[in-house]
């Protein structure tokens, strides 16, 4: 069984992905890896947990079901988030030119590995 850090290191090897962070619903960072010296994984963790909570409320209110993945697109990059069990969130920060389909696929593929080590 791979360690959490190993799974996150694999995710930042995906072309275009610069950061991979696993946080609890409380915003506490369980682990994070970043290829960007300017990105603070602790700060990512705090804002991601808040964003997921808001996104889940939107899904409930609009009657579209339970959230599986979320995507935020900005001028300078992408954030793709997924739920890990009931209490965890994994977030990837990617370059704006990253292959979004591949980033989403890689995240979905590795969530079971993250669940196993949490």
PDB file of N, CA and C in Angstrom:
ATOM      1  N   UNK A   1       0.842  -1.177   0.000  1.00  0.00           N
ATOM      2  CA  UNK A   1       0.000   0.000   0.000  1.00  0.00           C
ATOM      3  C   UNK A   1       0.890   1.245   0.000  1.00  0.00           C
ATOM      4  N   UNK A   2       0.584   2.165  -0.880  1.00  0.00           N
ATOM      5  CA  UNK A   2       1.361   3.387  -1.004  1.00  0.00           C
ATOM      6  C   UNK A   2       1.023   4.354   0.132  1.00  0.00           C
ATOM      7  N   UNK A   3       2.005   5.124   0.520  1.00  0.00           N
ATOM      8  CA  UNK A   3       1.787   6.172   1.525  1.00  0.00           C
ATOM      9  C   UNK A   3       1.103   7.363   0.851  1.00  0.00           C
ATOM     10  N   UNK A   4       0.435   8.174   1.653  1.00  0.00           N
ATOM     11  CA  UNK A   4      -0.260   9.342   1.120  1.00  0.00           C
ATOM     12  C   UNK A   4       0.688  10.234   0.335  1.00  0.00           C
ATOM     13  N   UNK A   5       1.869  10.459   0.863  1.00  0.00           N
ATOM     14  CA  UNK A   5       2.835  11.319   0.174  1.00  0.00           C
ATOM     15  C   UNK A   5       3.192  10.759  -1.204  1.00  0.00           C
ATOM     16  N   UNK A   6       3.282   9.435  -1.319  1.00  0.00           N
ATOM     17  CA  UNK A   6       3.595   8.811  -2.609  1.00  0.00           C
ATOM     18  C   UNK A   6       2.480   9.067  -3.629  1.00  0.00           C
ATOM     19  N   UNK A   7       1.240   8.950  -3.189  1.00  0.00           N
ATOM     20  CA  UNK A   7       0.105   9.188  -4.094  1.00  0.00           C
ATOM     21  C   UNK A   7       0.098  10.651  -4.537  1.00  0.00           C
ATOM     22  N   UNK A   8       0.340  11.565  -3.614  1.00  0.00           N
ATOM     23  CA  UNK A   8       0.366  12.986  -3.963  1.00  0.00           C
ATOM     24  C   UNK A   8       1.523  13.310  -4.902  1.00  0.00           C
ATOM     25  N   UNK A   9       2.668  12.687  -4.668  1.00  0.00           N
ATOM     26  CA  UNK A   9       3.808  12.884  -5.575  1.00  0.00           C
ATOM     27  C   UNK A   9       3.465  12.396  -6.978  1.00  0.00           C
ATOM     28  N   UNK A  10       2.742  11.277  -7.078  1.00  0.00           N
ATOM     29  CA  UNK A  10       2.308  10.791  -8.388  1.00  0.00           C
ATOM     30  C   UNK A  10       1.384  11.801  -9.066  1.00  0.00           C
ATOM     31  N   UNK A  11       0.511  12.419  -8.289  1.00  0.00           N
ATOM     32  CA  UNK A  11      -0.418  13.388  -8.868  1.00  0.00           C
ATOM     33  C   UNK A  11       0.297  14.627  -9.389  1.00  0.00           C
ATOM     34  N   UNK A  12       1.328  15.104  -8.716  1.00  0.00           N
ATOM     35  CA  UNK A  12       2.029  16.287  -9.233  1.00  0.00           C
ATOM     36  C   UNK A  12       2.948  15.952 -10.407  1.00  0.00           C
ATOM     37  N   UNK A  13       3.082  14.669 -10.717  1.00  0.00           N
ATOM     38  CA  UNK A  13       3.808  14.262 -11.922  1.00  0.00           C
ATOM     39  C   UNK A  13       2.914  14.304 -13.163  1.00  0.00           C
ATOM     40  N   UNK A  14       1.599  14.412 -12.947  1.00  0.00           N
ATOM     41  CA  UNK A  14       0.668  14.533 -14.067  1.00  0.00           C
ATOM     42  C   UNK A  14       0.946  15.869 -14.750  1.00  0.00           C
ATOM     43  N   UNK A  15       1.040  15.831 -16.071  1.00  0.00           N
ATOM     44  CA  UNK A  15       1.385  17.040 -16.816  1.00  0.00           C
ATOM     45  C   UNK A  15       0.432  18.186 -16.492  1.00  0.00           C
ATOM     46  N   UNK A  16       0.995  19.302 -16.068  1.00  0.00           N
ATOM     47  CA  UNK A  16       0.214  20.498 -15.764  1.00  0.00           C
ATOM     48  C   UNK A  16      -0.174  20.646 -14.306  1.00  0.00           C
ATOM     49  N   UNK A  17      -0.120  19.584 -13.515  1.00  0.00           N
ATOM     50  CA  UNK A  17      -0.496  19.660 -12.099  1.00  0.00           C
ATOM     51  C   UNK A  17       0.700  20.171 -11.301  1.00  0.00           C
ATOM     52  N   UNK A  18       0.477  21.215 -10.507  1.00  0.00           N
ATOM     53  CA  UNK A  18       1.567  21.797  -9.715  1.00  0.00           C
ATOM     54  C   UNK A  18       1.452  21.489  -8.232  1.00  0.00           C
ATOM     55  N   UNK A  19       0.237  21.227  -7.752  1.00  0.00           N
ATOM     56  CA  UNK A  19       0.019  21.020  -6.324  1.00  0.00           C
ATOM     57  C   UNK A  19      -1.064  19.981  -6.102  1.00  0.00           C
ATOM     58  N   UNK A  20      -0.844  19.130  -5.098  1.00  0.00           N
ATOM     59  CA  UNK A  20      -1.847  18.152  -4.672  1.00  0.00           C
ATOM     60  C   UNK A  20      -1.915  18.211  -3.151  1.00  0.00           C
ATOM     61  N   UNK A  21      -3.116  18.410  -2.625  1.00  0.00           N
ATOM     62  CA  UNK A  21      -3.304  18.570  -1.188  1.00  0.00           C
ATOM     63  C   UNK A  21      -4.496  17.734  -0.741  1.00  0.00           C
ATOM     64  N   UNK A  22      -4.351  17.071   0.402  1.00  0.00           N
ATOM     65  CA  UNK A  22      -5.478  16.381   1.025  1.00  0.00           C
ATOM     66  C   UNK A  22      -5.771  17.103   2.333  1.00  0.00           C
ATOM     67  N   UNK A  23      -7.023  17.516   2.488  1.00  0.00           N
ATOM     68  CA  UNK A  23      -7.428  18.256   3.682  1.00  0.00           C
ATOM     69  C   UNK A  23      -8.647  17.593   4.303  1.00  0.00           C
ATOM     70  N   UNK A  24      -8.818  17.811   5.584  1.00  0.00           N
ATOM     71  CA  UNK A  24     -10.025  17.389   6.270  1.00  0.00           C
ATOM     72  C   UNK A  24     -11.110  18.419   6.067  1.00  0.00           C
ATOM     73  N   UNK A  25     -12.327  18.072   6.409  1.00  0.00           N
ATOM     74  CA  UNK A  25     -13.440  19.013   6.290  1.00  0.00           C
ATOM     75  C   UNK A  25     -13.231  20.251   7.158  1.00  0.00           C
ATOM     76  N   UNK A  26     -12.386  20.114   8.177  1.00  0.00           N
ATOM     77  CA  UNK A  26     -12.102  21.237   9.065  1.00  0.00           C
ATOM     78  C   UNK A  26     -11.039  22.172   8.499  1.00  0.00           C
ATOM     79  N   UNK A  27     -10.483  21.848   7.321  1.00  0.00           N
ATOM     80  CA  UNK A  27      -9.466  22.686   6.706  1.00  0.00           C
ATOM     81  C   UNK A  27      -8.050  22.317   7.087  1.00  0.00           C
ATOM     82  N   UNK A  28      -7.898  21.353   7.994  1.00  0.00           N
ATOM     83  CA  UNK A  28      -6.567  20.919   8.414  1.00  0.00           C
ATOM     84  C   UNK A  28      -5.919  20.106   7.300  1.00  0.00           C
ATOM     85  N   UNK A  29      -4.703  20.475   6.907  1.00  0.00           N
ATOM     86  CA  UNK A  29      -4.000  19.784   5.834  1.00  0.00           C
ATOM     87  C   UNK A  29      -3.424  18.476   6.372  1.00  0.00           C
ATOM     88  N   UNK A  30      -3.835  17.367   5.766  1.00  0.00           N
ATOM     89  CA  UNK A  30      -3.304  16.059   6.146  1.00  0.00           C
ATOM     90  C   UNK A  30      -1.947  15.828   5.485  1.00  0.00           C
ATOM     91  N   UNK A  31      -1.821  16.271   4.231  1.00  0.00           N
ATOM     92  CA  UNK A  31      -0.541  16.227   3.531  1.00  0.00           C
ATOM     93  C   UNK A  31      -0.683  17.018   2.249  1.00  0.00           C
ATOM     94  N   UNK A  32       0.430  17.501   1.759  1.00  0.00           N
ATOM     95  CA  UNK A  32       0.412  18.260   0.521  1.00  0.00           C
ATOM     96  C   UNK A  32       1.774  18.272  -0.132  1.00  0.00           C
ATOM     97  N   UNK A  33       1.759  18.322  -1.459  1.00  0.00           N
ATOM     98  CA  UNK A  33       2.978  18.377  -2.250  1.00  0.00           C
ATOM     99  C   UNK A  33       2.792  19.466  -3.293  1.00  0.00           C
ATOM    100  N   UNK A  34       3.799  20.304  -3.458  1.00  0.00           N
ATOM    101  CA  UNK A  34       3.714  21.361  -4.458  1.00  0.00           C
ATOM    102  C   UNK A  34       5.034  21.506  -5.192  1.00  0.00           C
ATOM    103  N   UNK A  35       4.949  21.664  -6.516  1.00  0.00           N
ATOM    104  CA  UNK A  35       6.136  21.965  -7.313  1.00  0.00           C
ATOM    105  C   UNK A  35       6.348  23.466  -7.390  1.00  0.00           C
ATOM    106  N   UNK A  36       5.413  24.225  -6.856  1.00  0.00           N
ATOM    107  CA  UNK A  36       5.499  25.683  -6.880  1.00  0.00           C
ATOM    108  C   UNK A  36       6.002  26.192  -5.539  1.00  0.00           C
ATOM    109  N   UNK A  37       7.120  26.880  -5.568  1.00  0.00           N
ATOM    110  CA  UNK A  37       7.701  27.394  -4.322  1.00  0.00           C
ATOM    111  C   UNK A  37       6.842  28.500  -3.717  1.00  0.00           C
ATOM    112  N   UNK A  38       5.960  29.091  -4.509  1.00  0.00           N
ATOM    113  CA  UNK A  38       5.175  30.218  -4.015  1.00  0.00           C
ATOM    114  C   UNK A  38       3.814  29.814  -3.464  1.00  0.00           C
ATOM    115  N   UNK A  39       3.437  28.560  -3.601  1.00  0.00           N
ATOM    116  CA  UNK A  39       2.119  28.137  -3.147  1.00  0.00           C
ATOM    117  C   UNK A  39       2.198  27.495  -1.772  1.00  0.00           C
ATOM    118  N   UNK A  40       1.419  28.001  -0.853  1.00  0.00           N
ATOM    119  CA  UNK A  40       1.374  27.513   0.522  1.00  0.00           C
ATOM    120  C   UNK A  40       0.269  26.467   0.640  1.00  0.00           C
ATOM    121  N   UNK A  41       0.649  25.208   0.845  1.00  0.00           N
ATOM    122  CA  UNK A  41      -0.358  24.139   0.918  1.00  0.00           C
ATOM    123  C   UNK A  41      -1.308  24.331   2.092  1.00  0.00           C
ATOM    124  N   UNK A  42      -0.852  24.951   3.177  1.00  0.00           N
ATOM    125  CA  UNK A  42      -1.735  25.218   4.326  1.00  0.00           C
ATOM    126  C   UNK A  42      -2.847  26.186   3.933  1.00  0.00           C
ATOM    127  N   UNK A  43      -2.500  27.203   3.161  1.00  0.00           N
ATOM    128  CA  UNK A  43      -3.503  28.171   2.709  1.00  0.00           C
ATOM    129  C   UNK A  43      -4.490  27.508   1.759  1.00  0.00           C
ATOM    130  N   UNK A  44      -3.994  26.641   0.885  1.00  0.00           N
ATOM    131  CA  UNK A  44      -4.871  25.916  -0.029  1.00  0.00           C
ATOM    132  C   UNK A  44      -5.885  25.103   0.769  1.00  0.00           C
ATOM    133  N   UNK A  45      -5.416  24.411   1.789  1.00  0.00           N
ATOM    134  CA  UNK A  45      -6.291  23.578   2.601  1.00  0.00           C
ATOM    135  C   UNK A  45      -7.420  24.356   3.242  1.00  0.00           C
ATOM    136  N   UNK A  46      -7.107  25.509   3.773  1.00  0.00           N
ATOM    137  CA  UNK A  46      -8.119  26.310   4.461  1.00  0.00           C
ATOM    138  C   UNK A  46      -9.229  26.765   3.519  1.00  0.00           C
ATOM    139  N   UNK A  47      -8.870  27.215   2.342  1.00  0.00           N
ATOM    140  CA  UNK A  47      -9.899  27.716   1.428  1.00  0.00           C
ATOM    141  C   UNK A  47     -10.642  26.597   0.716  1.00  0.00           C
ATOM    142  N   UNK A  48      -9.995  25.473   0.492  1.00  0.00           N
ATOM    143  CA  UNK A  48     -10.649  24.357  -0.196  1.00  0.00           C
ATOM    144  C   UNK A  48     -11.808  23.805   0.632  1.00  0.00           C
ATOM    145  N   UNK A  49     -11.596  23.634   1.929  1.00  0.00           N
ATOM    146  CA  UNK A  49     -12.672  23.068   2.755  1.00  0.00           C
ATOM    147  C   UNK A  49     -13.906  23.966   2.748  1.00  0.00           C
ATOM    148  N   UNK A  50     -13.706  25.261   2.750  1.00  0.00           N
ATOM    149  CA  UNK A  50     -14.823  26.201   2.697  1.00  0.00           C
ATOM    150  C   UNK A  50     -15.527  26.124   1.346  1.00  0.00           C
ATOM    151  N   UNK A  51     -14.742  26.051   0.273  1.00  0.00           N
ATOM    152  CA  UNK A  51     -15.311  25.992  -1.075  1.00  0.00           C
ATOM    153  C   UNK A  51     -16.133  24.746  -1.307  1.00  0.00           C
ATOM    154  N   UNK A  52     -15.666  23.619  -0.803  1.00  0.00           N
ATOM    155  CA  UNK A  52     -16.413  22.357  -0.971  1.00  0.00           C
ATOM    156  C   UNK A  52     -17.755  22.442  -0.256  1.00  0.00           C
ATOM    157  N   UNK A  53     -17.755  22.973   0.948  1.00  0.00           N
ATOM    158  CA  UNK A  53     -19.008  23.095   1.689  1.00  0.00           C
ATOM    159  C   UNK A  53     -20.040  23.917   0.926  1.00  0.00           C
ATOM    160  N   UNK A  54     -19.609  25.020   0.359  1.00  0.00           N
ATOM    161  CA  UNK A  54     -20.510  25.869  -0.422  1.00  0.00           C
ATOM    162  C   UNK A  54     -21.013  25.145  -1.668  1.00  0.00           C
ATOM    163  N   UNK A  55     -20.119  24.418  -2.326  1.00  0.00           N
ATOM    164  CA  UNK A  55     -20.500  23.684  -3.540  1.00  0.00           C
ATOM    165  C   UNK A  55     -21.521  22.601  -3.242  1.00  0.00           C
ATOM    166  N   UNK A  56     -21.388  21.953  -2.103  1.00  0.00           N
ATOM    167  CA  UNK A  56     -22.352  20.920  -1.733  1.00  0.00           C
ATOM    168  C   UNK A  56     -23.738  21.513  -1.487  1.00  0.00           C
ATOM    169  N   UNK A  57     -23.789  22.693  -0.890  1.00  0.00           N
ATOM    170  CA  UNK A  57     -25.066  23.367  -0.664  1.00  0.00           C
ATOM    171  C   UNK A  57     -25.722  23.698  -2.005  1.00  0.00           C
ATOM    172  N   UNK A  58     -24.945  24.185  -2.953  1.00  0.00           N
ATOM    173  CA  UNK A  58     -25.474  24.510  -4.282  1.00  0.00           C
ATOM    174  C   UNK A  58     -26.085  23.258  -4.917  1.00  0.00           C
ATOM    175  N   UNK A  59     -25.370  22.138  -4.854  1.00  0.00           N
ATOM    176  CA  UNK A  59     -25.874  20.891  -5.431  1.00  0.00           C
ATOM    177  C   UNK A  59     -27.187  20.447  -4.814  1.00  0.00           C
ATOM    178  N   UNK A  60     -27.271  20.558  -3.488  1.00  0.00           N
ATOM    179  CA  UNK A  60     -28.516  20.178  -2.799  1.00  0.00           C
ATOM    180  C   UNK A  60     -29.663  21.093  -3.203  1.00  0.00           C
ATOM    181  N   UNK A  61     -29.400  22.391  -3.197  1.00  0.00           N
ATOM    182  CA  UNK A  61     -30.459  23.363  -3.504  1.00  0.00           C
ATOM    183  C   UNK A  61     -30.958  23.233  -4.938  1.00  0.00           C
ATOM    184  N   UNK A  62     -30.068  22.878  -5.850  1.00  0.00           N
ATOM    185  CA  UNK A  62     -30.461  22.744  -7.255  1.00  0.00           C
ATOM    186  C   UNK A  62     -30.944  21.337  -7.601  1.00  0.00           C
ATOM    187  N   UNK A  63     -30.881  20.432  -6.625  1.00  0.00           N
ATOM    188  CA  UNK A  63     -31.391  19.084  -6.822  1.00  0.00           C
ATOM    189  C   UNK A  63     -30.596  18.252  -7.818  1.00  0.00           C
ATOM    190  N   UNK A  64     -29.277  18.468  -7.886  1.00  0.00           N
ATOM    191  CA  UNK A  64     -28.461  17.712  -8.845  1.00  0.00           C
ATOM    192  C   UNK A  64     -27.678  16.585  -8.184  1.00  0.00           C
ATOM    193  N   UNK A  65     -27.929  16.365  -6.906  1.00  0.00           N
ATOM    194  CA  UNK A  65     -27.313  15.231  -6.222  1.00  0.00           C
ATOM    195  C   UNK A  65     -26.048  15.575  -5.479  1.00  0.00           C
ATOM    196  N   UNK A  66     -25.407  14.516  -5.064  1.00  0.00           N
ATOM    197  CA  UNK A  66     -24.193  14.619  -4.255  1.00  0.00           C
ATOM    198  C   UNK A  66     -23.002  14.999  -5.122  1.00  0.00           C
ATOM    199  N   UNK A  67     -22.150  15.835  -4.593  1.00  0.00           N
ATOM    200  CA  UNK A  67     -20.961  16.266  -5.315  1.00  0.00           C
ATOM    201  C   UNK A  67     -19.945  15.127  -5.420  1.00  0.00           C
ATOM    202  N   UNK A  68     -19.323  15.000  -6.583  1.00  0.00           N
ATOM    203  CA  UNK A  68     -18.253  14.021  -6.765  1.00  0.00           C
ATOM    204  C   UNK A  68     -16.930  14.717  -7.073  1.00  0.00           C
ATOM    205  N   UNK A  69     -16.984  15.735  -7.922  1.00  0.00           N
ATOM    206  CA  UNK A  69     -15.809  16.542  -8.243  1.00  0.00           C
ATOM    207  C   UNK A  69     -16.247  17.978  -8.436  1.00  0.00           C
ATOM    208  N   UNK A  70     -15.311  18.877  -8.169  1.00  0.00           N
ATOM    209  CA  UNK A  70     -15.567  20.284  -8.413  1.00  0.00           C
ATOM    210  C   UNK A  70     -14.425  20.886  -9.197  1.00  0.00           C
ATOM    211  N   UNK A  71     -14.723  21.894  -9.979  1.00  0.00           N
ATOM    212  CA  UNK A  71     -13.716  22.555 -10.797  1.00  0.00           C
ATOM    213  C   UNK A  71     -13.892  24.056 -10.691  1.00  0.00           C
ATOM    214  N   UNK A  72     -12.798  24.722 -10.457  1.00  0.00           N
ATOM    215  CA  UNK A  72     -12.782  26.178 -10.482  1.00  0.00           C
ATOM    216  C   UNK A  72     -11.740  26.587 -11.499  1.00  0.00           C
ATOM    217  N   UNK A  73     -12.135  27.467 -12.410  1.00  0.00           N
ATOM    218  CA  UNK A  73     -11.212  27.917 -13.445  1.00  0.00           C
ATOM    219  C   UNK A  73     -10.951  29.408 -13.267  1.00  0.00           C
ATOM    220  N   UNK A  74      -9.681  29.747 -13.244  1.00  0.00           N
ATOM    221  CA  UNK A  74      -9.248  31.129 -13.087  1.00  0.00           C
ATOM    222  C   UNK A  74      -8.353  31.491 -14.262  1.00  0.00           C
ATOM    223  N   UNK A  75      -8.055  32.756 -14.431  1.00  0.00           N
ATOM    224  CA  UNK A  75      -7.177  33.190 -15.522  1.00  0.00           C
ATOM    225  C   UNK A  75      -5.815  32.507 -15.463  1.00  0.00           C
ATOM    226  N   UNK A  76      -5.318  32.260 -14.254  1.00  0.00           N
ATOM    227  CA  UNK A  76      -3.980  31.711 -14.102  1.00  0.00           C
ATOM    228  C   UNK A  76      -3.909  30.226 -13.790  1.00  0.00           C
ATOM    229  N   UNK A  77      -5.041  29.535 -13.733  1.00  0.00           N
ATOM    230  CA  UNK A  77      -4.961  28.113 -13.433  1.00  0.00           C
ATOM    231  C   UNK A  77      -6.298  27.494 -13.082  1.00  0.00           C
ATOM    232  N   UNK A  78      -6.227  26.203 -12.782  1.00  0.00           N
ATOM    233  CA  UNK A  78      -7.407  25.408 -12.471  1.00  0.00           C
ATOM    234  C   UNK A  78      -7.270  24.790 -11.088  1.00  0.00           C
ATOM    235  N   UNK A  79      -8.390  24.592 -10.421  1.00  0.00           N
ATOM    236  CA  UNK A  79      -8.421  23.828  -9.184  1.00  0.00           C
ATOM    237  C   UNK A  79      -9.470  22.747  -9.374  1.00  0.00           C
ATOM    238  N   UNK A  80      -9.052  21.502  -9.229  1.00  0.00           N
ATOM    239  CA  UNK A  80      -9.963  20.370  -9.339  1.00  0.00           C
ATOM    240  C   UNK A  80     -10.003  19.699  -7.972  1.00  0.00           C
ATOM    241  N   UNK A  81     -11.212  19.485  -7.454  1.00  0.00           N
ATOM    242  CA  UNK A  81     -11.378  18.938  -6.114  1.00  0.00           C
ATOM    243  C   UNK A  81     -12.238  17.688  -6.156  1.00  0.00           C
ATOM    244  N   UNK A  82     -11.952  16.776  -5.256  1.00  0.00           N
ATOM    245  CA  UNK A  82     -12.762  15.574  -5.138  1.00  0.00           C
ATOM    246  C   UNK A  82     -12.907  15.183  -3.687  1.00  0.00           C
ATOM    247  N   UNK A  83     -14.003  14.512  -3.379  1.00  0.00           N
ATOM    248  CA  UNK A  83     -14.243  14.065  -2.013  1.00  0.00           C
ATOM    249  C   UNK A  83     -13.566  12.727  -1.780  1.00  0.00           C
ATOM    250  N   UNK A  84     -12.985  12.588  -0.592  1.00  0.00           N
ATOM    251  CA  UNK A  84     -12.312  11.353  -0.195  1.00  0.00           C
ATOM    252  C   UNK A  84     -13.044  10.846   1.048  1.00  0.00           C
ATOM    253  N   UNK A  85     -13.912   9.870   0.842  1.00  0.00           N
ATOM    254  CA  UNK A  85     -14.714   9.395   1.954  1.00  0.00           C
ATOM    255  C   UNK A  85     -15.637  10.496   2.450  1.00  0.00           C
ATOM    256  N   UNK A  86     -16.000  10.416   3.728  1.00  0.00           N
ATOM    257  CA  UNK A  86     -16.901  11.418   4.313  1.00  0.00           C
ATOM    258  C   UNK A  86     -16.170  12.644   4.848  1.00  0.00           C
ATOM    259  N   UNK A  87     -14.894  12.492   5.163  1.00  0.00           N
ATOM    260  CA  UNK A  87     -14.205  13.560   5.877  1.00  0.00           C
ATOM    261  C   UNK A  87     -13.032  14.192   5.154  1.00  0.00           C
ATOM    262  N   UNK A  88     -12.708  13.735   3.960  1.00  0.00           N
ATOM    263  CA  UNK A  88     -11.530  14.247   3.283  1.00  0.00           C
ATOM    264  C   UNK A  88     -11.834  14.892   1.945  1.00  0.00           C
ATOM    265  N   UNK A  89     -10.922  15.747   1.539  1.00  0.00           N
ATOM    266  CA  UNK A  89     -11.001  16.442   0.254  1.00  0.00           C
ATOM    267  C   UNK A  89      -9.614  16.419  -0.350  1.00  0.00           C
ATOM    268  N   UNK A  90      -9.528  16.107  -1.619  1.00  0.00           N
ATOM    269  CA  UNK A  90      -8.255  16.220  -2.317  1.00  0.00           C
ATOM    270  C   UNK A  90      -8.413  17.328  -3.356  1.00  0.00           C
ATOM    271  N   UNK A  91      -7.418  18.190  -3.431  1.00  0.00           N
ATOM    272  CA  UNK A  91      -7.453  19.298  -4.379  1.00  0.00           C
ATOM    273  C   UNK A  91      -6.170  19.314  -5.195  1.00  0.00           C
ATOM    274  N   UNK A  92      -6.339  19.527  -6.477  1.00  0.00           N
ATOM    275  CA  UNK A  92      -5.206  19.665  -7.381  1.00  0.00           C
ATOM    276  C   UNK A  92      -5.224  21.069  -7.958  1.00  0.00           C
ATOM    277  N   UNK A  93      -4.067  21.692  -7.996  1.00  0.00           N
ATOM    278  CA  UNK A  93      -3.911  22.983  -8.667  1.00  0.00           C
ATOM    279  C   UNK A  93      -3.141  22.699  -9.945  1.00  0.00           C
ATOM    280  N   UNK A  94      -3.664  23.186 -11.063  1.00  0.00           N
ATOM    281  CA  UNK A  94      -3.051  22.897 -12.355  1.00  0.00           C
ATOM    282  C   UNK A  94      -2.904  24.174 -13.183  1.00  0.00           C
ATOM    283  N   UNK A  95      -1.976  24.127 -14.116  1.00  0.00           N
ATOM    284  CA  UNK A  95      -1.791  25.224 -15.061  1.00  0.00           C
ATOM    285  C   UNK A  95      -3.044  25.382 -15.911  1.00  0.00           C
ATOM    286  N   UNK A  96      -3.287  26.576 -16.390  1.00  0.00           N
ATOM    287  CA  UNK A  96      -4.481  26.833 -17.200  1.00  0.00           C
ATOM    288  C   UNK A  96      -4.478  26.006 -18.485  1.00  0.00           C
ATOM    289  N   UNK A  97      -3.302  25.654 -18.991  1.00  0.00           N
ATOM    290  CA  UNK A  97      -3.223  24.874 -20.222  1.00  0.00           C
ATOM    291  C   UNK A  97      -3.222  23.370 -20.014  1.00  0.00           C
ATOM    292  N   UNK A  98      -3.391  22.920 -18.780  1.00  0.00           N
ATOM    293  CA  UNK A  98      -3.378  21.479 -18.500  1.00  0.00           C
ATOM    294  C   UNK A  98      -4.548  20.790 -19.189  1.00  0.00           C
ATOM    295  N   UNK A  99      -4.362  19.542 -19.519  1.00  0.00           N
ATOM    296  CA  UNK A  99      -5.421  18.738 -20.118  1.00  0.00           C
ATOM    297  C   UNK A  99      -6.429  18.411 -19.019  1.00  0.00           C
ATOM    298  N   UNK A 100      -7.527  19.131 -18.997  1.00  0.00           N
ATOM    299  CA  UNK A 100      -8.513  19.014 -17.930  1.00  0.00           C
ATOM    300  C   UNK A 100      -9.086  17.604 -17.824  1.00  0.00           C
ATOM    301  N   UNK A 101      -9.351  16.981 -18.951  1.00  0.00           N
ATOM    302  CA  UNK A 101      -9.878  15.618 -18.922  1.00  0.00           C
ATOM    303  C   UNK A 101      -8.921  14.663 -18.239  1.00  0.00           C
ATOM    304  N   UNK A 102      -7.637  14.788 -18.535  1.00  0.00           N
ATOM    305  CA  UNK A 102      -6.647  13.916 -17.916  1.00  0.00           C
ATOM    306  C   UNK A 102      -6.501  14.211 -16.428  1.00  0.00           C
ATOM    307  N   UNK A 103      -6.506  15.476 -16.056  1.00  0.00           N
ATOM    308  CA  UNK A 103      -6.385  15.849 -14.643  1.00  0.00           C
ATOM    309  C   UNK A 103      -7.563  15.255 -13.861  1.00  0.00           C
ATOM    310  N   UNK A 104      -8.764  15.403 -14.385  1.00  0.00           N
ATOM    311  CA  UNK A 104      -9.952  14.855 -13.708  1.00  0.00           C
ATOM    312  C   UNK A 104      -9.881  13.336 -13.619  1.00  0.00           C
ATOM    313  N   UNK A 105      -9.445  12.703 -14.692  1.00  0.00           N
ATOM    314  CA  UNK A 105      -9.322  11.246 -14.706  1.00  0.00           C
ATOM    315  C   UNK A 105      -8.301  10.769 -13.686  1.00  0.00           C
ATOM    316  N   UNK A 106      -7.138  11.414 -13.648  1.00  0.00           N
ATOM    317  CA  UNK A 106      -6.082  11.013 -12.712  1.00  0.00           C
ATOM    318  C   UNK A 106      -6.531  11.177 -11.269  1.00  0.00           C
ATOM    319  N   UNK A 107      -7.265  12.250 -10.988  1.00  0.00           N
ATOM    320  CA  UNK A 107      -7.788  12.457  -9.640  1.00  0.00           C
ATOM    321  C   UNK A 107      -8.769  11.344  -9.273  1.00  0.00           C
ATOM    322  N   UNK A 108      -9.716  11.089 -10.144  1.00  0.00           N
ATOM    323  CA  UNK A 108     -10.723  10.057  -9.872  1.00  0.00           C
ATOM    324  C   UNK A 108     -10.065   8.687  -9.697  1.00  0.00           C
ATOM    325  N   UNK A 109      -9.072   8.408 -10.497  1.00  0.00           N
ATOM    326  CA  UNK A 109      -8.374   7.122 -10.444  1.00  0.00           C
ATOM    327  C   UNK A 109      -7.634   6.918  -9.125  1.00  0.00           C
ATOM    328  N   UNK A 110      -7.128   7.994  -8.535  1.00  0.00           N
ATOM    329  CA  UNK A 110      -6.302   7.858  -7.333  1.00  0.00           C
ATOM    330  C   UNK A 110      -7.055   8.048  -6.026  1.00  0.00           C
ATOM    331  N   UNK A 111      -8.299   8.480  -6.071  1.00  0.00           N
ATOM    332  CA  UNK A 111      -9.066   8.658  -4.835  1.00  0.00           C
ATOM    333  C   UNK A 111      -9.158   7.362  -4.028  1.00  0.00           C
ATOM    334  N   UNK A 112      -9.393   6.199  -4.640  1.00  0.00           N
ATOM    335  CA  UNK A 112      -9.417   4.967  -3.831  1.00  0.00           C
ATOM    336  C   UNK A 112      -8.077   4.700  -3.107  1.00  0.00           C
ATOM    337  N   UNK A 113      -6.961   5.044  -3.739  1.00  0.00           N
ATOM    338  CA  UNK A 113      -5.653   4.880  -3.080  1.00  0.00           C
ATOM    339  C   UNK A 113      -5.528   5.813  -1.885  1.00  0.00           C
ATOM    340  N   UNK A 114      -6.053   7.023  -2.011  1.00  0.00           N
ATOM    341  CA  UNK A 114      -5.999   7.977  -0.897  1.00  0.00           C
ATOM    342  C   UNK A 114      -6.904   7.493   0.236  1.00  0.00           C
ATOM    343  N   UNK A 115      -8.083   6.981  -0.110  1.00  0.00           N
ATOM    344  CA  UNK A 115      -8.999   6.465   0.920  1.00  0.00           C
ATOM    345  C   UNK A 115      -8.363   5.347   1.731  1.00  0.00           C
ATOM    346  N   UNK A 116      -7.583   4.508   1.069  1.00  0.00           N
ATOM    347  CA  UNK A 116      -6.947   3.379   1.751  1.00  0.00           C
ATOM    348  C   UNK A 116      -5.943   3.822   2.805  1.00  0.00           C
ATOM    349  N   UNK A 117      -5.277   4.945   2.579  1.00  0.00           N
ATOM    350  CA  UNK A 117      -4.224   5.359   3.523  1.00  0.00           C
ATOM    351  C   UNK A 117      -4.725   6.358   4.566  1.00  0.00           C
ATOM    352  N   UNK A 118      -5.962   6.813   4.428  1.00  0.00           N
ATOM    353  CA  UNK A 118      -6.480   7.768   5.430  1.00  0.00           C
ATOM    354  C   UNK A 118      -7.067   7.051   6.622  1.00  0.00           C
TER     355      UNK A 118
END
